[in-house]
Amino acid sequence: MLRIFRGKDGRRLTVSALLMVVLGFCSVVVGGLGRPEPHDVDASTQVDSPSRTPDPATSSPGLAVALGNRLDAADGPSATTRPDAASGRGGTSGSSGGTAGSTSVAGKGGTSAGSAGSGRSAAGLSVAAAACVAARAGGLGVEGQAGQVVMVGVPITGARAAVDVVRRSRLGGVFLAGRSTQPASELGADLRAVQDAARRDVGIALHIAVDQEGGQVQTLSGAGFERIPNAVEQGRWDASDLRERTASWARALAGAGVTLDLAPVADTVAAGTARANPPIGVSQRNFGTDPDGVAAALGVVIPAMQDSGLLATAKHFPGLGRVHANTDTSTEAVDDVADPSDPNLEPFRTAISADTAAMMVSLARYPRLDPAALAVFSQPIITGLLRGQLGFRGLVMSDDLGAAVAVGSVPVGERAVRFIAAGGDLALSVRGADGVTMSTALAAAAHRDPTFAHRLAEAATAVLTSKARAGLLTCDGTP
């Protein structure tokens, strides 16, 4: 049985009766998501790890509204439309991902979003699964939600150290930082121990992410992980080779326990400009020199990854292909050409059409899109352009908010608050020590401001939705 509701903004929301039963305990806050005022946060503030049992008095409002924003697939095009580029690289890959068990709310990694009227949400979950996600997010309370929207780095050479990070910070994910020649079998054992700890201590499994692009950016290269050429070389292959080899690399990562790859790069570096583009062109991280060629490659790579059980992250929105500085080491990364009609947005459109699970937002400046803020702190760029104009309904994550020089003038906790307030979902820091600072700042901001509490609830729901898609979330009382 389906019931039709209309939100304050007039959008049509299709929600099963089951959803309304599960969410009956949630307080629905109907309000605009206008740009909140900056929050004053003491970056040094630390608190004890929150309890797994939420205090009803501190549970955040707005979960029904937050989930409703993710359940509007019936009003839009199918999320699984995949581009057929002029080069012939588009098309649909056959699914080789795992099938969900009876207790998992989604099969791992698959791009199974349904078309209008199919009874599936925009993120590819059934309506019942989306209700499960909302219930789990609502039961976390403010502190639990604040933990879920933060991912921190742990050294790949000592992945089991993440067990202590998870126990102390109760976060939603870890990023395996550095380079490792550890065999896939050994890494898999380490990551299983990390997930066991997360399920035991937090109650929800982690996203485990790596940078496995190829070329100079390949975290894992031990036995069981093939050497991956750089994106420039990959971009020269025909569609069949690119699909087959990408699927092989993705299966290796998924088999070792990685859930999210911070790839592929969707940035376009024009011919003859690579040497002047430190973050992308110098390292040959771009699939091509024109947006159509890059888009064609992404239309193959993303389905190949996700049909193999590994979630993809297209990056670095709205593009780093024109900047002349690296945000990791400089505050001078500026693209003064990009605007809402920029041809270099085409690869990101293709990534969305290919149903990418996540989109990473850059730390550069784009004066024609927002003269006042870095992209990662910009509501016009994240909520207006990415969510509104391009229609992305997946997980929005930040580039590094920890060690990057581009955000160095902003207190650590405030970086996470500004990102979530702008419309982001998962704040990334490569520094493990930032986890408690960020989650504490997020919870404090939510307790002060009901509008931000709603935005935090929506972000936590997005993180759990992506976990459900990866097969990390269950609804039978087990983590």
Foldseek 3Di string as FASTA:
>chain_A
DWDWDAAPVRAIFIADPLLCVLCVLAAADHDDLDQDDFDDADLVDFDFQDDQFDDVVQQFHHLVVLLRVFARQLVDFFQAFFDCFPLRLFDFDDFPFAAFDPFFQATFLAQQTDHHPPQATNLNTHSNSLSLLSSVLRRRGQLLLLQAQEEAEDALVCLLVLLVLCLGQVHAAYEHDDADQDALVVLLVSLVNSQVSSCVRNVFGHQYEYAPQAQPGHRYDHHLAPHGHALCVLLPDGNVVNLVVLLSNLLSCVVSPHAEYADDELAAAAPPCLVQQPPDSVRRSANYHFNSSSLSSLSRNQNSNSSSRHAYEYDAPPHRNPFRDDQQEDQRGEDAPDALVDRSNNSVLSNSSNSHQEYEYEQYYHCRQPVPHGLLLALSRQVNRVCNVSNRSHAYEYDALANGPNNVVPSLLSSLLSNLSSPHQHYYHHHSVSSSSNSVSLSVVVVVDSSSSNSSSSSSSRSSSSCSNNRRDGNPSGD
